[in-house]
Amino acid sequence: MAKSDNFPNEIEGFDDDASLDLSCGSSSFYEDEFENDEARLNDIRPFRFEPYDSSASGSDNGDEENENSESERLGNTDWCSCGNCCPMPTTTECVCCQEIEKVKYLFSNEYDEGGTCIKCITEQPGFSPACLNVYVLQIAYLQYKQQYREEIPDTSEMFRYVAYRQLARWAWGYLGQKVRVVLPSCAVNCIRNTFPSDSGSYTGFKPQ
């Protein structure tokens, strides 16, 4: 796949191909030098919404009802609890930082300078230096380049890619091979606004 902004709001586990088939919040996150920890894998859920139990009484129309419920997230931010999310192109990407436990944990007990409880990952004091600071991202990119012998020529694309990796590393630690996790809309859009694509086009989340 071309090295466009294939960064849906997810991150994938490291693999030997070191592919840049990454997507916003859908960036691939490879860590082949670490073994998967069963507890971590059990904590990662591939669905943002629970599948419908078709065996339950009166559930003949369950799939349709569940699909309709999910689609209600499209075109709005009624599902946002942090106040910084933006409408996303797919229901999978319509997720707030308050809904992802690994991300919420990073700011759940944090307060701003005025003593107000922080409600969004983008307002966490560590988010900007870890995910938006160009010097930190340049160093992180050099580590990636050295390890995987891959280059990302476009500066904005490189910064977005590394920023997604930084957030995934911060929140999830180490991910296994082929494991993808959805990143919150607020964080994805903050990174995109900081390092925008020249074309203004971004690729959404892809499960595989």
C-alpha atoms as a PDB file:
ATOM      1  CA  MET A   1       0.000   0.000   0.000  1.00  0.00           C
ATOM      2  CA  ALA A   2       1.312   3.475  -0.751  1.00  0.00           C
ATOM      3  CA  LYS A   3       2.786   5.473   2.051  1.00  0.00           C
ATOM      4  CA  SER A   4      -0.162   7.825   2.261  1.00  0.00           C
ATOM      5  CA  ASP A   5      -1.684   8.685   5.594  1.00  0.00           C
ATOM      6  CA  ASN A   6      -2.896   5.143   6.263  1.00  0.00           C
ATOM      7  CA  PHE A   7      -3.477   5.884   9.882  1.00  0.00           C
ATOM      8  CA  PRO A   8      -7.017   5.043  10.982  1.00  0.00           C
ATOM      9  CA  ASN A   9      -7.397   5.616  14.656  1.00  0.00           C
ATOM     10  CA  GLU A  10      -5.843   2.329  15.629  1.00  0.00           C
ATOM     11  CA  ILE A  11      -2.401   0.870  16.084  1.00  0.00           C
ATOM     12  CA  GLU A  12      -1.239  -2.545  14.986  1.00  0.00           C
ATOM     13  CA  GLY A  13       1.339  -4.774  16.589  1.00  0.00           C
ATOM     14  CA  PHE A  14       4.885  -4.844  15.247  1.00  0.00           C
ATOM     15  CA  ASP A  15       5.714  -7.534  12.680  1.00  0.00           C
ATOM     16  CA  ASP A  16       8.753  -8.406  10.603  1.00  0.00           C
ATOM     17  CA  ASP A  17       7.500  -6.693   7.449  1.00  0.00           C
ATOM     18  CA  ALA A  18       7.716  -3.317   9.167  1.00  0.00           C
ATOM     19  CA  SER A  19       4.967  -2.224   6.826  1.00  0.00           C
ATOM     20  CA  LEU A  20       3.707   1.309   6.802  1.00  0.00           C
ATOM     21  CA  ASP A  21       0.166   0.078   6.277  1.00  0.00           C
ATOM     22  CA  LEU A  22      -0.837   2.164   9.188  1.00  0.00           C
ATOM     23  CA  SER A  23      -3.902   4.059   9.895  1.00  0.00           C
ATOM     24  CA  CYS A  24      -4.774   6.894  12.052  1.00  0.00           C
ATOM     25  CA  GLY A  25      -5.297   5.763  15.069  1.00  0.00           C
ATOM     26  CA  SER A  26      -4.892   2.800  12.854  1.00  0.00           C
ATOM     27  CA  SER A  27      -1.156   2.920  12.735  1.00  0.00           C
ATOM     28  CA  SER A  28       0.708  -0.373  12.920  1.00  0.00           C
ATOM     29  CA  PHE A  29       2.697  -0.814  16.108  1.00  0.00           C
ATOM     30  CA  TYR A  30       5.292  -3.602  15.801  1.00  0.00           C
ATOM     31  CA  GLU A  31       7.241  -4.995  18.736  1.00  0.00           C
ATOM     32  CA  ASP A  32       8.764  -8.289  17.602  1.00  0.00           C
ATOM     33  CA  GLU A  33      11.349  -8.314  20.360  1.00  0.00           C
ATOM     34  CA  PHE A  34       8.691  -8.751  23.025  1.00  0.00           C
ATOM     35  CA  GLU A  35       6.459 -11.776  23.620  1.00  0.00           C
ATOM     36  CA  ASN A  36       2.727 -11.173  23.914  1.00  0.00           C
ATOM     37  CA  ASP A  37       1.530 -11.073  27.445  1.00  0.00           C
ATOM     38  CA  GLU A  38      -1.721 -13.023  27.762  1.00  0.00           C
ATOM     39  CA  ALA A  39      -3.117 -10.494  30.185  1.00  0.00           C
ATOM     40  CA  ARG A  40      -2.514  -7.663  27.715  1.00  0.00           C
ATOM     41  CA  LEU A  41      -4.157  -9.542  24.877  1.00  0.00           C
ATOM     42  CA  ASN A  42      -7.164 -10.314  27.024  1.00  0.00           C
ATOM     43  CA  ASP A  43      -7.458  -6.605  27.745  1.00  0.00           C
ATOM     44  CA  ILE A  44      -7.604  -5.677  24.052  1.00  0.00           C
ATOM     45  CA  ARG A  45     -11.043  -5.923  22.562  1.00  0.00           C
ATOM     46  CA  PRO A  46     -11.366  -5.880  18.755  1.00  0.00           C
ATOM     47  CA  PHE A  47     -14.887  -4.434  18.879  1.00  0.00           C
ATOM     48  CA  ARG A  48     -15.899  -1.084  20.262  1.00  0.00           C
ATOM     49  CA  PHE A  49     -19.445  -2.378  20.664  1.00  0.00           C
ATOM     50  CA  GLU A  50     -20.614  -5.686  22.107  1.00  0.00           C
ATOM     51  CA  PRO A  51     -21.948  -8.178  19.521  1.00  0.00           C
ATOM     52  CA  TYR A  52     -25.660  -8.855  19.743  1.00  0.00           C
ATOM     53  CA  ASP A  53     -26.753 -12.108  21.359  1.00  0.00           C
ATOM     54  CA  SER A  54     -28.939 -13.695  18.702  1.00  0.00           C
ATOM     55  CA  SER A  55     -29.852 -16.555  21.028  1.00  0.00           C
ATOM     56  CA  ALA A  56     -31.731 -14.261  23.388  1.00  0.00           C
ATOM     57  CA  SER A  57     -35.518 -14.198  23.366  1.00  0.00           C
ATOM     58  CA  GLY A  58     -37.012 -11.759  20.873  1.00  0.00           C
ATOM     59  CA  SER A  59     -33.648 -11.145  19.164  1.00  0.00           C
ATOM     60  CA  ASP A  60     -34.644 -11.978  15.590  1.00  0.00           C
ATOM     61  CA  ASN A  61     -34.000  -8.390  14.603  1.00  0.00           C
ATOM     62  CA  GLY A  62     -31.011  -8.038  16.913  1.00  0.00           C
ATOM     63  CA  ASP A  63     -28.340  -7.568  14.271  1.00  0.00           C
ATOM     64  CA  GLU A  64     -30.320  -4.848  12.556  1.00  0.00           C
ATOM     65  CA  GLU A  65     -31.075  -3.071  15.830  1.00  0.00           C
ATOM     66  CA  ASN A  66     -27.430  -3.221  16.911  1.00  0.00           C
ATOM     67  CA  GLU A  67     -26.290  -1.878  13.562  1.00  0.00           C
ATOM     68  CA  ASN A  68     -28.793   0.964  13.773  1.00  0.00           C
ATOM     69  CA  SER A  69     -27.609   1.787  17.280  1.00  0.00           C
ATOM     70  CA  GLU A  70     -24.003   1.996  16.132  1.00  0.00           C
ATOM     71  CA  SER A  71     -24.871   4.086  13.082  1.00  0.00           C
ATOM     72  CA  GLU A  72     -26.411   6.703  15.344  1.00  0.00           C
ATOM     73  CA  ARG A  73     -22.861   7.821  16.102  1.00  0.00           C
ATOM     74  CA  LEU A  74     -22.212   8.878  12.517  1.00  0.00           C
ATOM     75  CA  GLY A  75     -22.441  12.544  11.630  1.00  0.00           C
ATOM     76  CA  ASN A  76     -22.455  13.769  15.230  1.00  0.00           C
ATOM     77  CA  THR A  77     -20.488  13.808  18.470  1.00  0.00           C
ATOM     78  CA  ASP A  78     -23.303  12.911  20.865  1.00  0.00           C
ATOM     79  CA  TRP A  79     -21.109   9.983  21.948  1.00  0.00           C
ATOM     80  CA  CYS A  80     -18.283  12.306  23.028  1.00  0.00           C
ATOM     81  CA  SER A  81     -17.773  12.843  26.763  1.00  0.00           C
ATOM     82  CA  CYS A  82     -14.523  14.832  26.680  1.00  0.00           C
ATOM     83  CA  GLY A  83     -15.776  17.683  24.497  1.00  0.00           C
ATOM     84  CA  ASN A  84     -12.951  17.461  21.967  1.00  0.00           C
ATOM     85  CA  CYS A  85     -14.021  14.684  19.581  1.00  0.00           C
ATOM     86  CA  CYS A  86     -15.001  15.280  15.969  1.00  0.00           C
ATOM     87  CA  PRO A  87     -17.385  13.374  13.692  1.00  0.00           C
ATOM     88  CA  MET A  88     -15.616  10.389  12.146  1.00  0.00           C
ATOM     89  CA  PRO A  89     -16.302   8.543   8.870  1.00  0.00           C
ATOM     90  CA  THR A  90     -17.056   5.139  10.439  1.00  0.00           C
ATOM     91  CA  THR A  91     -18.784   3.975  13.611  1.00  0.00           C
ATOM     92  CA  THR A  92     -15.624   2.161  14.713  1.00  0.00           C
ATOM     93  CA  GLU A  93     -13.719   5.439  14.733  1.00  0.00           C
ATOM     94  CA  CYS A  94     -16.471   7.256  16.625  1.00  0.00           C
ATOM     95  CA  VAL A  95     -14.975   6.624  20.024  1.00  0.00           C
ATOM     96  CA  CYS A  96     -14.067   9.031  22.802  1.00  0.00           C
ATOM     97  CA  CYS A  97     -11.020   8.840  25.049  1.00  0.00           C
ATOM     98  CA  GLN A  98     -13.432   8.424  27.950  1.00  0.00           C
ATOM     99  CA  GLU A  99     -14.555   5.105  26.429  1.00  0.00           C
ATOM    100  CA  ILE A 100     -11.102   3.532  26.123  1.00  0.00           C
ATOM    101  CA  GLU A 101      -9.954   2.406  29.563  1.00  0.00           C
ATOM    102  CA  LYS A 102      -6.246   2.287  28.678  1.00  0.00           C
ATOM    103  CA  VAL A 103      -6.368   5.880  27.466  1.00  0.00           C
ATOM    104  CA  LYS A 104      -8.704   7.146  30.175  1.00  0.00           C
ATOM    105  CA  TYR A 105      -6.351   5.790  32.820  1.00  0.00           C
ATOM    106  CA  LEU A 106      -3.674   8.242  31.656  1.00  0.00           C
ATOM    107  CA  PHE A 107      -5.703  11.266  32.713  1.00  0.00           C
ATOM    108  CA  SER A 108      -8.398  10.004  35.082  1.00  0.00           C
ATOM    109  CA  ASN A 109      -6.632  11.368  38.174  1.00  0.00           C
ATOM    110  CA  GLU A 110      -4.976  14.375  36.554  1.00  0.00           C
ATOM    111  CA  TYR A 111      -5.800  18.047  37.204  1.00  0.00           C
ATOM    112  CA  ASP A 112      -4.952  21.173  35.262  1.00  0.00           C
ATOM    113  CA  GLU A 113      -3.151  24.178  36.740  1.00  0.00           C
ATOM    114  CA  GLY A 114      -6.445  25.572  37.974  1.00  0.00           C
ATOM    115  CA  GLY A 115      -7.220  22.400  39.888  1.00  0.00           C
ATOM    116  CA  THR A 116      -9.923  21.250  37.473  1.00  0.00           C
ATOM    117  CA  CYS A 117     -10.136  17.539  36.728  1.00  0.00           C
ATOM    118  CA  ILE A 118      -8.889  16.794  33.219  1.00  0.00           C
ATOM    119  CA  LYS A 119     -11.528  15.194  31.001  1.00  0.00           C
ATOM    120  CA  CYS A 120      -9.612  14.560  27.777  1.00  0.00           C
ATOM    121  CA  ILE A 121      -6.356  12.854  26.849  1.00  0.00           C
ATOM    122  CA  THR A 122      -5.391  15.868  24.716  1.00  0.00           C
ATOM    123  CA  GLU A 123      -5.449  18.025  27.850  1.00  0.00           C
ATOM    124  CA  GLN A 124      -3.214  15.646  29.816  1.00  0.00           C
ATOM    125  CA  PRO A 125       0.093  17.438  30.508  1.00  0.00           C
ATOM    126  CA  GLY A 126       2.092  14.637  28.925  1.00  0.00           C
ATOM    127  CA  PHE A 127       0.159  14.442  25.666  1.00  0.00           C
ATOM    128  CA  SER A 128       1.704  17.445  23.965  1.00  0.00           C
ATOM    129  CA  PRO A 129       5.364  16.674  24.744  1.00  0.00           C
ATOM    130  CA  ALA A 130       4.935  12.955  24.025  1.00  0.00           C
ATOM    131  CA  CYS A 131       2.771  13.124  20.903  1.00  0.00           C
ATOM    132  CA  LEU A 132       3.079  16.631  19.453  1.00  0.00           C
ATOM    133  CA  ASN A 133       6.607  17.818  20.207  1.00  0.00           C
ATOM    134  CA  VAL A 134       8.543  17.642  16.926  1.00  0.00           C
ATOM    135  CA  TYR A 135      11.883  16.992  18.635  1.00  0.00           C
ATOM    136  CA  VAL A 136      10.547  14.057  20.598  1.00  0.00           C
ATOM    137  CA  LEU A 137       8.890  12.682  17.470  1.00  0.00           C
ATOM    138  CA  GLN A 138      12.058  13.091  15.412  1.00  0.00           C
ATOM    139  CA  ILE A 139      14.029  11.058  17.955  1.00  0.00           C
ATOM    140  CA  ALA A 140      11.312   8.395  18.082  1.00  0.00           C
ATOM    141  CA  TYR A 141      11.328   8.248  14.284  1.00  0.00           C
ATOM    142  CA  LEU A 142      15.101   7.734  14.182  1.00  0.00           C
ATOM    143  CA  GLN A 143      14.668   4.750  16.485  1.00  0.00           C
ATOM    144  CA  TYR A 144      11.991   3.343  14.178  1.00  0.00           C
ATOM    145  CA  LYS A 145      14.148   3.971  11.091  1.00  0.00           C
ATOM    146  CA  GLN A 146      17.172   2.271  12.655  1.00  0.00           C
ATOM    147  CA  GLN A 147      15.161  -0.751  13.736  1.00  0.00           C
ATOM    148  CA  TYR A 148      13.110  -1.328  10.598  1.00  0.00           C
ATOM    149  CA  ARG A 149      15.227   0.263   7.850  1.00  0.00           C
ATOM    150  CA  GLU A 150      12.185   2.150   6.630  1.00  0.00           C
ATOM    151  CA  GLU A 151      11.884   5.813   5.748  1.00  0.00           C
ATOM    152  CA  ILE A 152       8.868   8.090   5.589  1.00  0.00           C
ATOM    153  CA  PRO A 153       9.866  10.982   3.305  1.00  0.00           C
ATOM    154  CA  ASP A 154       6.870  13.251   3.907  1.00  0.00           C
ATOM    155  CA  THR A 155       7.449  15.230   7.090  1.00  0.00           C
ATOM    156  CA  SER A 156       3.802  15.631   8.090  1.00  0.00           C
ATOM    157  CA  GLU A 157       3.118  11.962   7.439  1.00  0.00           C
ATOM    158  CA  MET A 158       6.147  10.973   9.468  1.00  0.00           C
ATOM    159  CA  PHE A 159       5.090  13.105  12.412  1.00  0.00           C
ATOM    160  CA  ARG A 160       1.537  11.741  12.331  1.00  0.00           C
ATOM    161  CA  TYR A 161       2.753   8.168  12.134  1.00  0.00           C
ATOM    162  CA  VAL A 162       5.159   8.505  15.026  1.00  0.00           C
ATOM    163  CA  ALA A 163       2.616  10.452  17.089  1.00  0.00           C
ATOM    164  CA  TYR A 164       0.124   7.571  16.793  1.00  0.00           C
ATOM    165  CA  ARG A 165       2.867   5.146  17.836  1.00  0.00           C
ATOM    166  CA  GLN A 166       3.711   7.313  20.816  1.00  0.00           C
ATOM    167  CA  LEU A 167       0.124   7.373  22.060  1.00  0.00           C
ATOM    168  CA  ALA A 168      -0.246   3.617  21.611  1.00  0.00           C
ATOM    169  CA  ARG A 169       3.028   2.968  23.433  1.00  0.00           C
ATOM    170  CA  TRP A 170       1.999   5.296  26.236  1.00  0.00           C
ATOM    171  CA  ALA A 171      -1.450   3.788  26.739  1.00  0.00           C
ATOM    172  CA  TRP A 172      -0.992   0.092  25.864  1.00  0.00           C
ATOM    173  CA  GLY A 173       2.707  -0.476  26.409  1.00  0.00           C
ATOM    174  CA  TYR A 174       3.568  -3.416  24.124  1.00  0.00           C
ATOM    175  CA  LEU A 175       1.134  -4.796  21.568  1.00  0.00           C
ATOM    176  CA  GLY A 176       1.378  -8.187  19.926  1.00  0.00           C
ATOM    177  CA  GLN A 177       1.786  -8.913  16.248  1.00  0.00           C
ATOM    178  CA  LYS A 178      -1.202  -8.029  14.089  1.00  0.00           C
ATOM    179  CA  VAL A 179      -2.987  -6.467  17.068  1.00  0.00           C
ATOM    180  CA  ARG A 180      -4.796  -3.267  16.230  1.00  0.00           C
ATOM    181  CA  VAL A 181      -6.422  -0.869  18.640  1.00  0.00           C
ATOM    182  CA  VAL A 182      -8.633   2.110  17.964  1.00  0.00           C
ATOM    183  CA  LEU A 183      -7.353   5.505  19.037  1.00  0.00           C
ATOM    184  CA  PRO A 184      -9.823   8.119  20.299  1.00  0.00           C
ATOM    185  CA  SER A 185     -11.203  10.676  17.891  1.00  0.00           C
ATOM    186  CA  CYS A 186     -10.028  13.600  20.019  1.00  0.00           C
ATOM    187  CA  ALA A 187      -6.399  12.472  19.947  1.00  0.00           C
ATOM    188  CA  VAL A 188      -6.481  11.526  16.269  1.00  0.00           C
ATOM    189  CA  ASN A 189      -7.857  14.886  15.231  1.00  0.00           C
ATOM    190  CA  CYS A 190      -5.475  16.786  17.490  1.00  0.00           C
ATOM    191  CA  ILE A 191      -2.546  15.032  15.829  1.00  0.00           C
ATOM    192  CA  ARG A 192      -3.993  15.612  12.371  1.00  0.00           C
ATOM    193  CA  ASN A 193      -4.543  19.299  13.060  1.00  0.00           C
ATOM    194  CA  THR A 194      -0.979  19.644  14.315  1.00  0.00           C
ATOM    195  CA  PHE A 195       0.514  17.752  11.351  1.00  0.00           C
ATOM    196  CA  PRO A 196      -2.074  18.093   8.570  1.00  0.00           C
ATOM    197  CA  SER A 197      -1.970  16.226   5.289  1.00  0.00           C
ATOM    198  CA  ASP A 198      -1.258  18.450   2.290  1.00  0.00           C
ATOM    199  CA  SER A 199      -4.155  16.834   0.455  1.00  0.00           C
ATOM    200  CA  GLY A 200      -6.457  17.015   3.464  1.00  0.00           C
ATOM    201  CA  SER A 201      -7.254  13.338   2.944  1.00  0.00           C
ATOM    202  CA  TYR A 202      -6.830  10.644   5.593  1.00  0.00           C
ATOM    203  CA  THR A 203      -7.465   6.917   5.554  1.00  0.00           C
ATOM    204  CA  GLY A 204      -9.820   5.589   8.223  1.00  0.00           C
ATOM    205  CA  PHE A 205      -9.614   2.586  10.487  1.00  0.00           C
ATOM    206  CA  LYS A 206      -9.050  -0.824   8.901  1.00  0.00           C
ATOM    207  CA  PRO A 207      -9.343  -3.976  11.071  1.00  0.00           C
ATOM    208  CA  GLN A 208      -6.620  -5.746   9.051  1.00  0.00           C
END
